[in-house]
PDB file of all heavy atoms in Angstrom:
ATOM      1  N   THR A   1     -44.075 -19.937  44.615  1.00  0.00           N
ATOM      2  CA  THR A   1     -44.449 -18.766  45.412  1.00  0.00           C
ATOM      3  C   THR A   1     -45.879 -18.308  45.130  1.00  0.00           C
ATOM      4  O   THR A   1     -46.414 -17.491  45.875  1.00  0.00           O
ATOM      5  CB  THR A   1     -43.496 -17.582  45.168  1.00  0.00           C
ATOM      6  OG1 THR A   1     -43.601 -17.167  43.809  1.00  0.00           O
ATOM      7  CG2 THR A   1     -42.066 -17.944  45.504  1.00  0.00           C
ATOM      8  N   LEU A   2     -46.474 -18.814  44.062  1.00  0.00           N
ATOM      9  CA  LEU A   2     -47.855 -18.439  43.757  1.00  0.00           C
ATOM     10  C   LEU A   2     -48.775 -18.959  44.860  1.00  0.00           C
ATOM     11  O   LEU A   2     -48.601 -20.074  45.353  1.00  0.00           O
ATOM     12  CB  LEU A   2     -48.278 -19.000  42.398  1.00  0.00           C
ATOM     13  CG  LEU A   2     -47.453 -18.507  41.211  1.00  0.00           C
ATOM     14  CD1 LEU A   2     -47.857 -19.259  39.952  1.00  0.00           C
ATOM     15  CD2 LEU A   2     -47.617 -17.015  41.018  1.00  0.00           C
ATOM     16  N   ARG A   3     -49.751 -18.179  45.205  1.00  0.00           N
ATOM     17  CA  ARG A   3     -50.586 -18.502  46.363  1.00  0.00           C
ATOM     18  C   ARG A   3     -51.537 -19.667  46.155  1.00  0.00           C
ATOM     19  O   ARG A   3     -51.740 -20.471  47.044  1.00  0.00           O
ATOM     20  CB  ARG A   3     -51.381 -17.280  46.779  1.00  0.00           C
ATOM     21  CG  ARG A   3     -50.507 -16.212  47.328  1.00  0.00           C
ATOM     22  CD  ARG A   3     -51.304 -15.067  47.831  1.00  0.00           C
ATOM     23  NE  ARG A   3     -50.388 -14.064  48.358  1.00  0.00           N
ATOM     24  CZ  ARG A   3     -50.764 -13.017  49.023  1.00  0.00           C
ATOM     25  NH1 ARG A   3     -52.032 -12.796  49.240  1.00  0.00           N
ATOM     26  NH2 ARG A   3     -49.875 -12.173  49.466  1.00  0.00           N
ATOM     27  N   SER A   4     -52.122 -19.748  44.988  1.00  0.00           N
ATOM     28  CA  SER A   4     -53.178 -20.745  44.821  1.00  0.00           C
ATOM     29  C   SER A   4     -52.747 -21.881  43.898  1.00  0.00           C
ATOM     30  O   SER A   4     -51.946 -21.689  42.974  1.00  0.00           O
ATOM     31  CB  SER A   4     -54.454 -20.094  44.283  1.00  0.00           C
ATOM     32  OG  SER A   4     -54.284 -19.757  42.931  1.00  0.00           O
ATOM     33  N   ASN A   5     -53.302 -23.034  44.153  1.00  0.00           N
ATOM     34  CA  ASN A   5     -53.078 -24.167  43.268  1.00  0.00           C
ATOM     35  C   ASN A   5     -53.627 -23.864  41.874  1.00  0.00           C
ATOM     36  O   ASN A   5     -53.095 -24.342  40.882  1.00  0.00           O
ATOM     37  CB  ASN A   5     -53.746 -25.432  43.817  1.00  0.00           C
ATOM     38  CG  ASN A   5     -52.987 -26.017  44.974  1.00  0.00           C
ATOM     39  OD1 ASN A   5     -51.793 -25.800  45.115  1.00  0.00           O
ATOM     40  ND2 ASN A   5     -53.683 -26.756  45.819  1.00  0.00           N
ATOM     41  N   ARG A   6     -54.695 -23.091  41.818  1.00  0.00           N
ATOM     42  CA  ARG A   6     -55.292 -22.721  40.527  1.00  0.00           C
ATOM     43  C   ARG A   6     -54.295 -21.958  39.670  1.00  0.00           C
ATOM     44  O   ARG A   6     -54.164 -22.218  38.469  1.00  0.00           O
ATOM     45  CB  ARG A   6     -56.539 -21.882  40.763  1.00  0.00           C
ATOM     46  CG  ARG A   6     -57.253 -21.474  39.505  1.00  0.00           C
ATOM     47  CD  ARG A   6     -58.564 -20.744  39.849  1.00  0.00           C
ATOM     48  NE  ARG A   6     -59.230 -20.297  38.658  1.00  0.00           N
ATOM     49  CZ  ARG A   6     -59.110 -19.072  38.153  1.00  0.00           C
ATOM     50  NH1 ARG A   6     -58.371 -18.162  38.751  1.00  0.00           N
ATOM     51  NH2 ARG A   6     -59.754 -18.744  37.054  1.00  0.00           N
ATOM     52  N   ASP A   7     -53.557 -21.002  40.272  1.00  0.00           N
ATOM     53  CA  ASP A   7     -52.544 -20.248  39.527  1.00  0.00           C
ATOM     54  C   ASP A   7     -51.419 -21.164  39.061  1.00  0.00           C
ATOM     55  O   ASP A   7     -50.942 -21.050  37.937  1.00  0.00           O
ATOM     56  CB  ASP A   7     -51.965 -19.120  40.379  1.00  0.00           C
ATOM     57  CG  ASP A   7     -52.946 -17.988  40.577  1.00  0.00           C
ATOM     58  OD1 ASP A   7     -53.881 -17.849  39.756  1.00  0.00           O
ATOM     59  OD2 ASP A   7     -52.788 -17.237  41.558  1.00  0.00           O
ATOM     60  N   ARG A   8     -50.987 -22.067  39.923  1.00  0.00           N
ATOM     61  CA  ARG A   8     -49.937 -23.015  39.529  1.00  0.00           C
ATOM     62  C   ARG A   8     -50.420 -23.915  38.398  1.00  0.00           C
ATOM     63  O   ARG A   8     -49.673 -24.207  37.463  1.00  0.00           O
ATOM     64  CB  ARG A   8     -49.481 -23.833  40.735  1.00  0.00           C
ATOM     65  CG  ARG A   8     -48.684 -22.995  41.737  1.00  0.00           C
ATOM     66  CD  ARG A   8     -48.049 -23.840  42.799  1.00  0.00           C
ATOM     67  NE  ARG A   8     -48.988 -24.325  43.779  1.00  0.00           N
ATOM     68  CZ  ARG A   8     -49.286 -23.714  44.903  1.00  0.00           C
ATOM     69  NH1 ARG A   8     -48.711 -22.563  45.197  1.00  0.00           N
ATOM     70  NH2 ARG A   8     -50.146 -24.233  45.747  1.00  0.00           N
ATOM     71  N   GLN A   9     -51.682 -24.336  38.449  1.00  0.00           N
ATOM     72  CA  GLN A   9     -52.235 -25.184  37.391  1.00  0.00           C
ATOM     73  C   GLN A   9     -52.333 -24.423  36.075  1.00  0.00           C
ATOM     74  O   GLN A   9     -52.108 -24.991  35.013  1.00  0.00           O
ATOM     75  CB  GLN A   9     -53.604 -25.726  37.806  1.00  0.00           C
ATOM     76  CG  GLN A   9     -54.200 -26.694  36.800  1.00  0.00           C
ATOM     77  CD  GLN A   9     -53.333 -27.917  36.570  1.00  0.00           C
ATOM     78  OE1 GLN A   9     -52.875 -28.533  37.523  1.00  0.00           O
ATOM     79  NE2 GLN A   9     -53.097 -28.252  35.322  1.00  0.00           N
ATOM     80  N   LYS A  10     -52.635 -23.128  36.142  1.00  0.00           N
ATOM     81  CA  LYS A  10     -52.696 -22.317  34.923  1.00  0.00           C
ATOM     82  C   LYS A  10     -51.340 -22.285  34.239  1.00  0.00           C
ATOM     83  O   LYS A  10     -51.244 -22.373  33.008  1.00  0.00           O
ATOM     84  CB  LYS A  10     -53.178 -20.906  35.256  1.00  0.00           C
ATOM     85  CG  LYS A  10     -54.676 -20.836  35.534  1.00  0.00           C
ATOM     86  CD  LYS A  10     -55.147 -19.519  36.078  1.00  0.00           C
ATOM     87  CE  LYS A  10     -54.686 -18.306  35.362  1.00  0.00           C
ATOM     88  NZ  LYS A  10     -55.217 -17.052  35.916  1.00  0.00           N
ATOM     89  N   PHE A  11     -50.264 -22.179  35.019  1.00  0.00           N
ATOM     90  CA  PHE A  11     -48.927 -22.220  34.435  1.00  0.00           C
ATOM     91  C   PHE A  11     -48.642 -23.581  33.829  1.00  0.00           C
ATOM     92  O   PHE A  11     -48.090 -23.682  32.734  1.00  0.00           O
ATOM     93  CB  PHE A  11     -47.850 -21.882  35.468  1.00  0.00           C
ATOM     94  CG  PHE A  11     -47.502 -20.431  35.492  1.00  0.00           C
ATOM     95  CD1 PHE A  11     -47.927 -19.629  36.524  1.00  0.00           C
ATOM     96  CD2 PHE A  11     -46.746 -19.870  34.479  1.00  0.00           C
ATOM     97  CE1 PHE A  11     -47.616 -18.288  36.545  1.00  0.00           C
ATOM     98  CE2 PHE A  11     -46.431 -18.531  34.488  1.00  0.00           C
ATOM     99  CZ  PHE A  11     -46.866 -17.738  35.526  1.00  0.00           C
ATOM    100  N   ASN A  12     -49.004 -24.635  34.517  1.00  0.00           N
ATOM    101  CA  ASN A  12     -48.805 -25.988  33.994  1.00  0.00           C
ATOM    102  C   ASN A  12     -49.520 -26.146  32.647  1.00  0.00           C
ATOM    103  O   ASN A  12     -48.953 -26.681  31.685  1.00  0.00           O
ATOM    104  CB  ASN A  12     -49.292 -27.030  34.999  1.00  0.00           C
ATOM    105  CG  ASN A  12     -48.996 -28.432  34.547  1.00  0.00           C
ATOM    106  OD1 ASN A  12     -47.862 -28.751  34.200  1.00  0.00           O
ATOM    107  ND2 ASN A  12     -50.006 -29.274  34.542  1.00  0.00           N
ATOM    108  N   ASP A  13     -50.733 -25.661  32.567  1.00  0.00           N
ATOM    109  CA  ASP A  13     -51.494 -25.733  31.317  1.00  0.00           C
ATOM    110  C   ASP A  13     -50.824 -24.913  30.207  1.00  0.00           C
ATOM    111  O   ASP A  13     -50.721 -25.362  29.075  1.00  0.00           O
ATOM    112  CB  ASP A  13     -52.932 -25.257  31.517  1.00  0.00           C
ATOM    113  CG  ASP A  13     -53.738 -26.177  32.420  1.00  0.00           C
ATOM    114  OD1 ASP A  13     -53.314 -27.332  32.652  1.00  0.00           O
ATOM    115  OD2 ASP A  13     -54.788 -25.722  32.920  1.00  0.00           O
ATOM    116  N   PHE A  14     -50.365 -23.705  30.552  1.00  0.00           N
ATOM    117  CA  PHE A  14     -49.699 -22.878  29.552  1.00  0.00           C
ATOM    118  C   PHE A  14     -48.408 -23.530  29.078  1.00  0.00           C
ATOM    119  O   PHE A  14     -48.107 -23.546  27.875  1.00  0.00           O
ATOM    120  CB  PHE A  14     -49.415 -21.478  30.089  1.00  0.00           C
ATOM    121  CG  PHE A  14     -48.706 -20.622  29.072  1.00  0.00           C
ATOM    122  CD1 PHE A  14     -49.415 -20.077  28.011  1.00  0.00           C
ATOM    123  CD2 PHE A  14     -47.349 -20.394  29.152  1.00  0.00           C
ATOM    124  CE1 PHE A  14     -48.768 -19.306  27.051  1.00  0.00           C
ATOM    125  CE2 PHE A  14     -46.699 -19.629  28.197  1.00  0.00           C
ATOM    126  CZ  PHE A  14     -47.416 -19.087  27.148  1.00  0.00           C
ATOM    127  N   PHE A  15     -47.615 -24.076  29.995  1.00  0.00           N
ATOM    128  CA  PHE A  15     -46.364 -24.731  29.614  1.00  0.00           C
ATOM    129  C   PHE A  15     -46.639 -25.929  28.703  1.00  0.00           C
ATOM    130  O   PHE A  15     -45.875 -26.193  27.774  1.00  0.00           O
ATOM    131  CB  PHE A  15     -45.579 -25.171  30.837  1.00  0.00           C
ATOM    132  CG  PHE A  15     -45.049 -24.032  31.680  1.00  0.00           C
ATOM    133  CD1 PHE A  15     -44.777 -24.221  33.017  1.00  0.00           C
ATOM    134  CD2 PHE A  15     -44.837 -22.772  31.138  1.00  0.00           C
ATOM    135  CE1 PHE A  15     -44.294 -23.189  33.799  1.00  0.00           C
ATOM    136  CE2 PHE A  15     -44.359 -21.728  31.912  1.00  0.00           C
ATOM    137  CZ  PHE A  15     -44.076 -21.943  33.253  1.00  0.00           C
ATOM    138  N   SER A  16     -47.724 -26.633  28.934  1.00  0.00           N
ATOM    139  CA  SER A  16     -48.082 -27.756  28.062  1.00  0.00           C
ATOM    140  C   SER A  16     -48.447 -27.258  26.662  1.00  0.00           C
ATOM    141  O   SER A  16     -48.069 -27.865  25.652  1.00  0.00           O
ATOM    142  CB  SER A  16     -49.238 -28.552  28.660  1.00  0.00           C
ATOM    143  OG  SER A  16     -48.817 -29.194  29.850  1.00  0.00           O
ATOM    144  N   ARG A  17     -49.179 -26.137  26.579  1.00  0.00           N
ATOM    145  CA  ARG A  17     -49.481 -25.535  25.269  1.00  0.00           C
ATOM    146  C   ARG A  17     -48.209 -25.073  24.578  1.00  0.00           C
ATOM    147  O   ARG A  17     -48.039 -25.246  23.369  1.00  0.00           O
ATOM    148  CB  ARG A  17     -50.447 -24.363  25.424  1.00  0.00           C
ATOM    149  CG  ARG A  17     -51.874 -24.777  25.656  1.00  0.00           C
ATOM    150  CD  ARG A  17     -52.829 -23.617  25.428  1.00  0.00           C
ATOM    151  NE  ARG A  17     -52.372 -22.347  25.981  1.00  0.00           N
ATOM    152  CZ  ARG A  17     -52.803 -21.818  27.131  1.00  0.00           C
ATOM    153  NH1 ARG A  17     -53.724 -22.430  27.838  1.00  0.00           N
ATOM    154  NH2 ARG A  17     -52.333 -20.671  27.551  1.00  0.00           N
ATOM    155  N   LEU A  18     -47.312 -24.487  25.360  1.00  0.00           N
ATOM    156  CA  LEU A  18     -46.032 -24.021  24.825  1.00  0.00           C
ATOM    157  C   LEU A  18     -45.231 -25.194  24.253  1.00  0.00           C
ATOM    158  O   LEU A  18     -44.647 -25.091  23.175  1.00  0.00           O
ATOM    159  CB  LEU A  18     -45.239 -23.317  25.917  1.00  0.00           C
ATOM    160  CG  LEU A  18     -43.917 -22.671  25.521  1.00  0.00           C
ATOM    161  CD1 LEU A  18     -44.149 -21.540  24.531  1.00  0.00           C
ATOM    162  CD2 LEU A  18     -43.197 -22.169  26.753  1.00  0.00           C
ATOM    163  N   ALA A  19     -45.236 -26.311  24.938  1.00  0.00           N
ATOM    164  CA  ALA A  19     -44.523 -27.494  24.448  1.00  0.00           C
ATOM    165  C   ALA A  19     -45.148 -28.018  23.159  1.00  0.00           C
ATOM    166  O   ALA A  19     -44.463 -28.627  22.339  1.00  0.00           O
ATOM    167  CB  ALA A  19     -44.509 -28.583  25.518  1.00  0.00           C
ATOM    168  N   GLY A  20     -46.420 -27.788  22.967  1.00  0.00           N
ATOM    169  CA  GLY A  20     -47.091 -28.214  21.743  1.00  0.00           C
ATOM    170  C   GLY A  20     -46.729 -27.384  20.527  1.00  0.00           C
ATOM    171  O   GLY A  20     -46.777 -27.871  19.396  1.00  0.00           O
ATOM    172  N   ASP A  21     -46.340 -26.126  20.728  1.00  0.00           N
ATOM    173  CA  ASP A  21     -45.998 -25.239  19.613  1.00  0.00           C
ATOM    174  C   ASP A  21     -45.020 -24.162  20.099  1.00  0.00           C
ATOM    175  O   ASP A  21     -45.368 -22.979  20.183  1.00  0.00           O
ATOM    176  CB  ASP A  21     -47.271 -24.598  19.058  1.00  0.00           C
ATOM    177  CG  ASP A  21     -47.025 -23.793  17.792  1.00  0.00           C
ATOM    178  OD1 ASP A  21     -45.951 -23.928  17.175  1.00  0.00           O
ATOM    179  OD2 ASP A  21     -47.931 -23.029  17.421  1.00  0.00           O
ATOM    180  N   PRO A  22     -43.791 -24.548  20.447  1.00  0.00           N
ATOM    181  CA  PRO A  22     -42.872 -23.591  21.073  1.00  0.00           C
ATOM    182  C   PRO A  22     -42.475 -22.417  20.185  1.00  0.00           C
ATOM    183  O   PRO A  22     -42.334 -21.301  20.673  1.00  0.00           O
ATOM    184  CB  PRO A  22     -41.659 -24.447  21.445  1.00  0.00           C
ATOM    185  CG  PRO A  22     -41.755 -25.675  20.622  1.00  0.00           C
ATOM    186  CD  PRO A  22     -43.212 -25.872  20.333  1.00  0.00           C
ATOM    187  N   GLU A  23     -42.315 -22.642  18.894  1.00  0.00           N
ATOM    188  CA  GLU A  23     -41.957 -21.526  18.018  1.00  0.00           C
ATOM    189  C   GLU A  23     -43.162 -20.666  17.689  1.00  0.00           C
ATOM    190  O   GLU A  23     -43.057 -19.453  17.554  1.00  0.00           O
ATOM    191  CB  GLU A  23     -41.300 -22.045  16.740  1.00  0.00           C
ATOM    192  CG  GLU A  23     -39.924 -22.619  16.985  1.00  0.00           C
ATOM    193  CD  GLU A  23     -39.267 -23.141  15.728  1.00  0.00           C
ATOM    194  OE1 GLU A  23     -39.889 -23.077  14.649  1.00  0.00           O
ATOM    195  OE2 GLU A  23     -38.126 -23.614  15.833  1.00  0.00           O
ATOM    196  N   GLY A  24     -44.324 -21.286  17.597  1.00  0.00           N
ATOM    197  CA  GLY A  24     -45.539 -20.552  17.269  1.00  0.00           C
ATOM    198  C   GLY A  24     -45.996 -19.614  18.368  1.00  0.00           C
ATOM    199  O   GLY A  24     -46.596 -18.575  18.095  1.00  0.00           O
ATOM    200  N   LEU A  25     -45.718 -19.951  19.619  1.00  0.00           N
ATOM    201  CA  LEU A  25     -46.124 -19.096  20.737  1.00  0.00           C
ATOM    202  C   LEU A  25     -45.061 -18.074  21.123  1.00  0.00           C
ATOM    203  O   LEU A  25     -45.302 -17.224  21.970  1.00  0.00           O
ATOM    204  CB  LEU A  25     -46.484 -19.956  21.959  1.00  0.00           C
ATOM    205  CG  LEU A  25     -47.753 -20.794  21.802  1.00  0.00           C
ATOM    206  CD1 LEU A  25     -47.974 -21.668  23.039  1.00  0.00           C
ATOM    207  CD2 LEU A  25     -48.961 -19.926  21.569  1.00  0.00           C
ATOM    208  N   ALA A  26     -43.893 -18.152  20.505  1.00  0.00           N
ATOM    209  CA  ALA A  26     -42.825 -17.194  20.806  1.00  0.00           C
ATOM    210  C   ALA A  26     -43.215 -15.807  20.323  1.00  0.00           C
ATOM    211  O   ALA A  26     -43.780 -15.643  19.245  1.00  0.00           O
ATOM    212  CB  ALA A  26     -41.526 -17.626  20.141  1.00  0.00           C
ATOM    213  N   GLN A  27     -42.933 -14.809  21.137  1.00  0.00           N
ATOM    214  CA  GLN A  27     -43.199 -13.425  20.759  1.00  0.00           C
ATOM    215  C   GLN A  27     -41.922 -12.662  20.457  1.00  0.00           C
ATOM    216  O   GLN A  27     -41.959 -11.570  19.919  1.00  0.00           O
ATOM    217  CB  GLN A  27     -43.996 -12.735  21.869  1.00  0.00           C
ATOM    218  CG  GLN A  27     -45.354 -13.375  22.051  1.00  0.00           C
ATOM    219  CD  GLN A  27     -46.091 -12.837  23.257  1.00  0.00           C
ATOM    220  OE1 GLN A  27     -45.487 -12.325  24.184  1.00  0.00           O
ATOM    221  NE2 GLN A  27     -47.402 -12.982  23.256  1.00  0.00           N
ATOM    222  N   ASP A  28     -40.786 -13.261  20.814  1.00  0.00           N
ATOM    223  CA  ASP A  28     -39.495 -12.641  20.564  1.00  0.00           C
ATOM    224  C   ASP A  28     -38.442 -13.744  20.557  1.00  0.00           C
ATOM    225  O   ASP A  28     -38.659 -14.804  21.139  1.00  0.00           O
ATOM    226  CB  ASP A  28     -39.180 -11.610  21.655  1.00  0.00           C
ATOM    227  CG  ASP A  28     -38.023 -10.694  21.290  1.00  0.00           C
ATOM    228  OD1 ASP A  28     -37.621 -10.667  20.111  1.00  0.00           O
ATOM    229  OD2 ASP A  28     -37.518  -9.994  22.187  1.00  0.00           O
ATOM    230  N   SER A  29     -37.325 -13.484  19.897  1.00  0.00           N
ATOM    231  CA  SER A  29     -36.212 -14.428  19.918  1.00  0.00           C
ATOM    232  C   SER A  29     -34.910 -13.644  19.888  1.00  0.00           C
ATOM    233  O   SER A  29     -34.864 -12.508  19.409  1.00  0.00           O
ATOM    234  CB  SER A  29     -36.286 -15.405  18.750  1.00  0.00           C
ATOM    235  OG  SER A  29     -36.162 -14.732  17.524  1.00  0.00           O
ATOM    236  N   PHE A  30     -33.861 -14.249  20.421  1.00  0.00           N
ATOM    237  CA  PHE A  30     -32.555 -13.596  20.448  1.00  0.00           C
ATOM    238  C   PHE A  30     -31.469 -14.665  20.567  1.00  0.00           C
ATOM    239  O   PHE A  30     -31.725 -15.785  21.008  1.00  0.00           O
ATOM    240  CB  PHE A  30     -32.467 -12.592  21.609  1.00  0.00           C
ATOM    241  CG  PHE A  30     -32.748 -13.186  22.959  1.00  0.00           C
ATOM    242  CD1 PHE A  30     -31.725 -13.649  23.759  1.00  0.00           C
ATOM    243  CD2 PHE A  30     -34.056 -13.279  23.436  1.00  0.00           C
ATOM    244  CE1 PHE A  30     -31.993 -14.193  25.011  1.00  0.00           C
ATOM    245  CE2 PHE A  30     -34.326 -13.821  24.685  1.00  0.00           C
ATOM    246  CZ  PHE A  30     -33.290 -14.281  25.475  1.00  0.00           C
ATOM    247  N   ASP A  31     -30.270 -14.304  20.134  1.00  0.00           N
ATOM    248  CA  ASP A  31     -29.098 -15.183  20.218  1.00  0.00           C
ATOM    249  C   ASP A  31     -28.186 -14.698  21.334  1.00  0.00           C
ATOM    250  O   ASP A  31     -28.074 -13.491  21.572  1.00  0.00           O
ATOM    251  CB  ASP A  31     -28.302 -15.157  18.912  1.00  0.00           C
ATOM    252  CG  ASP A  31     -29.065 -15.721  17.736  1.00  0.00           C
ATOM    253  OD1 ASP A  31     -29.787 -16.710  17.924  1.00  0.00           O
ATOM    254  OD2 ASP A  31     -28.940 -15.164  16.633  1.00  0.00           O
ATOM    255  N   ASP A  32     -27.499 -15.645  21.975  1.00  0.00           N
ATOM    256  CA  ASP A  32     -26.466 -15.247  22.920  1.00  0.00           C
ATOM    257  C   ASP A  32     -25.134 -15.138  22.180  1.00  0.00           C
ATOM    258  O   ASP A  32     -25.068 -15.309  20.960  1.00  0.00           O
ATOM    259  CB  ASP A  32     -26.397 -16.204  24.118  1.00  0.00           C
ATOM    260  CG  ASP A  32     -25.916 -17.600  23.765  1.00  0.00           C
ATOM    261  OD1 ASP A  32     -25.497 -17.840  22.608  1.00  0.00           O
ATOM    262  OD2 ASP A  32     -25.948 -18.470  24.657  1.00  0.00           O
ATOM    263  N   SER A  33     -24.063 -14.848  22.891  1.00  0.00           N
ATOM    264  CA  SER A  33     -22.758 -14.631  22.248  1.00  0.00           C
ATOM    265  C   SER A  33     -22.205 -15.891  21.598  1.00  0.00           C
ATOM    266  O   SER A  33     -21.320 -15.811  20.753  1.00  0.00           O
ATOM    267  CB  SER A  33     -21.755 -14.095  23.278  1.00  0.00           C
ATOM    268  OG  SER A  33     -21.589 -15.039  24.325  1.00  0.00           O
ATOM    269  N   GLU A  34     -22.731 -17.061  21.971  1.00  0.00           N
ATOM    270  CA  GLU A  34     -22.275 -18.318  21.387  1.00  0.00           C
ATOM    271  C   GLU A  34     -23.186 -18.794  20.261  1.00  0.00           C
ATOM    272  O   GLU A  34     -23.012 -19.889  19.727  1.00  0.00           O
ATOM    273  CB  GLU A  34     -22.175 -19.382  22.471  1.00  0.00           C
ATOM    274  CG  GLU A  34     -21.141 -19.045  23.531  1.00  0.00           C
ATOM    275  CD  GLU A  34     -21.130 -20.030  24.678  1.00  0.00           C
ATOM    276  OE1 GLU A  34     -21.895 -21.023  24.644  1.00  0.00           O
ATOM    277  OE2 GLU A  34     -20.349 -19.808  25.615  1.00  0.00           O
ATOM    278  N   GLY A  35     -24.189 -18.000  19.925  1.00  0.00           N
ATOM    279  CA  GLY A  35     -25.074 -18.338  18.820  1.00  0.00           C
ATOM    280  C   GLY A  35     -26.259 -19.213  19.196  1.00  0.00           C
ATOM    281  O   GLY A  35     -26.976 -19.687  18.317  1.00  0.00           O
ATOM    282  N   ASN A  36     -26.486 -19.435  20.487  1.00  0.00           N
ATOM    283  CA  ASN A  36     -27.652 -20.205  20.923  1.00  0.00           C
ATOM    284  C   ASN A  36     -28.907 -19.349  20.805  1.00  0.00           C
ATOM    285  O   ASN A  36     -28.903 -18.185  21.192  1.00  0.00           O
ATOM    286  CB  ASN A  36     -27.485 -20.671  22.378  1.00  0.00           C
ATOM    287  CG  ASN A  36     -26.299 -21.598  22.530  1.00  0.00           C
ATOM    288  OD1 ASN A  36     -26.155 -22.568  21.803  1.00  0.00           O
ATOM    289  ND2 ASN A  36     -25.426 -21.288  23.479  1.00  0.00           N
ATOM    290  N   LEU A  37     -29.969 -19.935  20.293  1.00  0.00           N
ATOM    291  CA  LEU A  37     -31.217 -19.209  20.075  1.00  0.00           C
ATOM    292  C   LEU A  37     -32.149 -19.383  21.267  1.00  0.00           C
ATOM    293  O   LEU A  37     -32.390 -20.507  21.725  1.00  0.00           O
ATOM    294  CB  LEU A  37     -31.892 -19.724  18.805  1.00  0.00           C
ATOM    295  CG  LEU A  37     -33.192 -19.055  18.380  1.00  0.00           C
ATOM    296  CD1 LEU A  37     -32.985 -17.562  18.130  1.00  0.00           C
ATOM    297  CD2 LEU A  37     -33.739 -19.726  17.136  1.00  0.00           C
ATOM    298  N   TYR A  38     -32.660 -18.269  21.774  1.00  0.00           N
ATOM    299  CA  TYR A  38     -33.597 -18.268  22.894  1.00  0.00           C
ATOM    300  C   TYR A  38     -34.879 -17.567  22.462  1.00  0.00           C
ATOM    301  O   TYR A  38     -34.877 -16.745  21.551  1.00  0.00           O
ATOM    302  CB  TYR A  38     -32.992 -17.548  24.104  1.00  0.00           C
ATOM    303  CG  TYR A  38     -31.780 -18.262  24.634  1.00  0.00           C
ATOM    304  CD1 TYR A  38     -30.505 -17.919  24.203  1.00  0.00           C
ATOM    305  CD2 TYR A  38     -31.902 -19.292  25.542  1.00  0.00           C
ATOM    306  CE1 TYR A  38     -29.393 -18.584  24.662  1.00  0.00           C
ATOM    307  CE2 TYR A  38     -30.793 -19.960  26.013  1.00  0.00           C
ATOM    308  CZ  TYR A  38     -29.542 -19.604  25.571  1.00  0.00           C
ATOM    309  OH  TYR A  38     -28.443 -20.272  26.027  1.00  0.00           O
ATOM    310  N   TYR A  39     -35.952 -17.887  23.144  1.00  0.00           N
ATOM    311  CA  TYR A  39     -37.263 -17.321  22.841  1.00  0.00           C
ATOM    312  C   TYR A  39     -37.859 -16.698  24.096  1.00  0.00           C
ATOM    313  O   TYR A  39     -37.524 -17.097  25.211  1.00  0.00           O
ATOM    314  CB  TYR A  39     -38.212 -18.414  22.336  1.00  0.00           C
ATOM    315  CG  TYR A  39     -37.767 -19.053  21.056  1.00  0.00           C
ATOM    316  CD1 TYR A  39     -36.936 -20.162  21.065  1.00  0.00           C
ATOM    317  CD2 TYR A  39     -38.174 -18.556  19.825  1.00  0.00           C
ATOM    318  CE1 TYR A  39     -36.516 -20.755  19.885  1.00  0.00           C
ATOM    319  CE2 TYR A  39     -37.764 -19.141  18.641  1.00  0.00           C
ATOM    320  CZ  TYR A  39     -36.936 -20.241  18.679  1.00  0.00           C
ATOM    321  OH  TYR A  39     -36.527 -20.812  17.511  1.00  0.00           O
ATOM    322  N   ALA A  40     -38.768 -15.776  23.896  1.00  0.00           N
ATOM    323  CA  ALA A  40     -39.495 -15.169  25.013  1.00  0.00           C
ATOM    324  C   ALA A  40     -40.959 -15.036  24.612  1.00  0.00           C
ATOM    325  O   ALA A  40     -41.282 -14.832  23.440  1.00  0.00           O
ATOM    326  CB  ALA A  40     -38.921 -13.804  25.366  1.00  0.00           C
ATOM    327  N   THR A  41     -41.819 -15.176  25.598  1.00  0.00           N
ATOM    328  CA  THR A  41     -43.241 -14.986  25.388  1.00  0.00           C
ATOM    329  C   THR A  41     -43.847 -14.410  26.653  1.00  0.00           C
ATOM    330  O   THR A  41     -43.262 -14.493  27.734  1.00  0.00           O
ATOM    331  CB  THR A  41     -43.930 -16.319  24.988  1.00  0.00           C
ATOM    332  OG1 THR A  41     -45.249 -16.044  24.544  1.00  0.00           O
ATOM    333  CG2 THR A  41     -43.977 -17.314  26.140  1.00  0.00           C
ATOM    334  N   HIS A  42     -45.008 -13.801  26.522  1.00  0.00           N
ATOM    335  CA  HIS A  42     -45.745 -13.266  27.670  1.00  0.00           C
ATOM    336  C   HIS A  42     -46.892 -14.201  28.024  1.00  0.00           C
ATOM    337  O   HIS A  42     -47.527 -14.756  27.141  1.00  0.00           O
ATOM    338  CB  HIS A  42     -46.346 -11.891  27.338  1.00  0.00           C
ATOM    339  CG  HIS A  42     -45.335 -10.810  27.311  1.00  0.00           C
ATOM    340  ND1 HIS A  42     -44.608 -10.511  26.177  1.00  0.00           N
ATOM    341  CD2 HIS A  42     -44.920  -9.955  28.264  1.00  0.00           C
ATOM    342  CE1 HIS A  42     -43.795  -9.518  26.446  1.00  0.00           C
ATOM    343  NE2 HIS A  42     -43.961  -9.152  27.700  1.00  0.00           N
ATOM    344  N   TYR A  43     -47.120 -14.338  29.311  1.00  0.00           N
ATOM    345  CA  TYR A  43     -48.304 -15.046  29.797  1.00  0.00           C
ATOM    346  C   TYR A  43     -48.824 -14.252  30.982  1.00  0.00           C
ATOM    347  O   TYR A  43     -48.114 -14.080  31.975  1.00  0.00           O
ATOM    348  CB  TYR A  43     -47.970 -16.485  30.200  1.00  0.00           C
ATOM    349  CG  TYR A  43     -49.141 -17.200  30.814  1.00  0.00           C
ATOM    350  CD1 TYR A  43     -50.253 -17.506  30.039  1.00  0.00           C
ATOM    351  CD2 TYR A  43     -49.153 -17.530  32.161  1.00  0.00           C
ATOM    352  CE1 TYR A  43     -51.341 -18.137  30.596  1.00  0.00           C
ATOM    353  CE2 TYR A  43     -50.242 -18.166  32.712  1.00  0.00           C
ATOM    354  CZ  TYR A  43     -51.329 -18.472  31.939  1.00  0.00           C
ATOM    355  OH  TYR A  43     -52.417 -19.094  32.485  1.00  0.00           O
ATOM    356  N   GLU A  44     -50.031 -13.742  30.844  1.00  0.00           N
ATOM    357  CA  GLU A  44     -50.619 -12.823  31.827  1.00  0.00           C
ATOM    358  C   GLU A  44     -49.616 -11.704  32.077  1.00  0.00           C
ATOM    359  O   GLU A  44     -49.276 -10.984  31.161  1.00  0.00           O
ATOM    360  CB  GLU A  44     -51.053 -13.575  33.076  1.00  0.00           C
ATOM    361  CG  GLU A  44     -52.192 -14.546  32.800  1.00  0.00           C
ATOM    362  CD  GLU A  44     -52.762 -15.208  34.037  1.00  0.00           C
ATOM    363  OE1 GLU A  44     -52.169 -15.089  35.128  1.00  0.00           O
ATOM    364  OE2 GLU A  44     -53.805 -15.853  33.893  1.00  0.00           O
TER     365      GLU A  44
END
């Protein structure tokens, strides 16, 4: 839904950085009722 290819490319670049250090870029973490660990981060 993003209007420009540039915005979509920025997300692609961020996701690649995230894959390089997923725990290091996490700003929050939480468990679900089954004990699975999830992470959250902000980008723009």
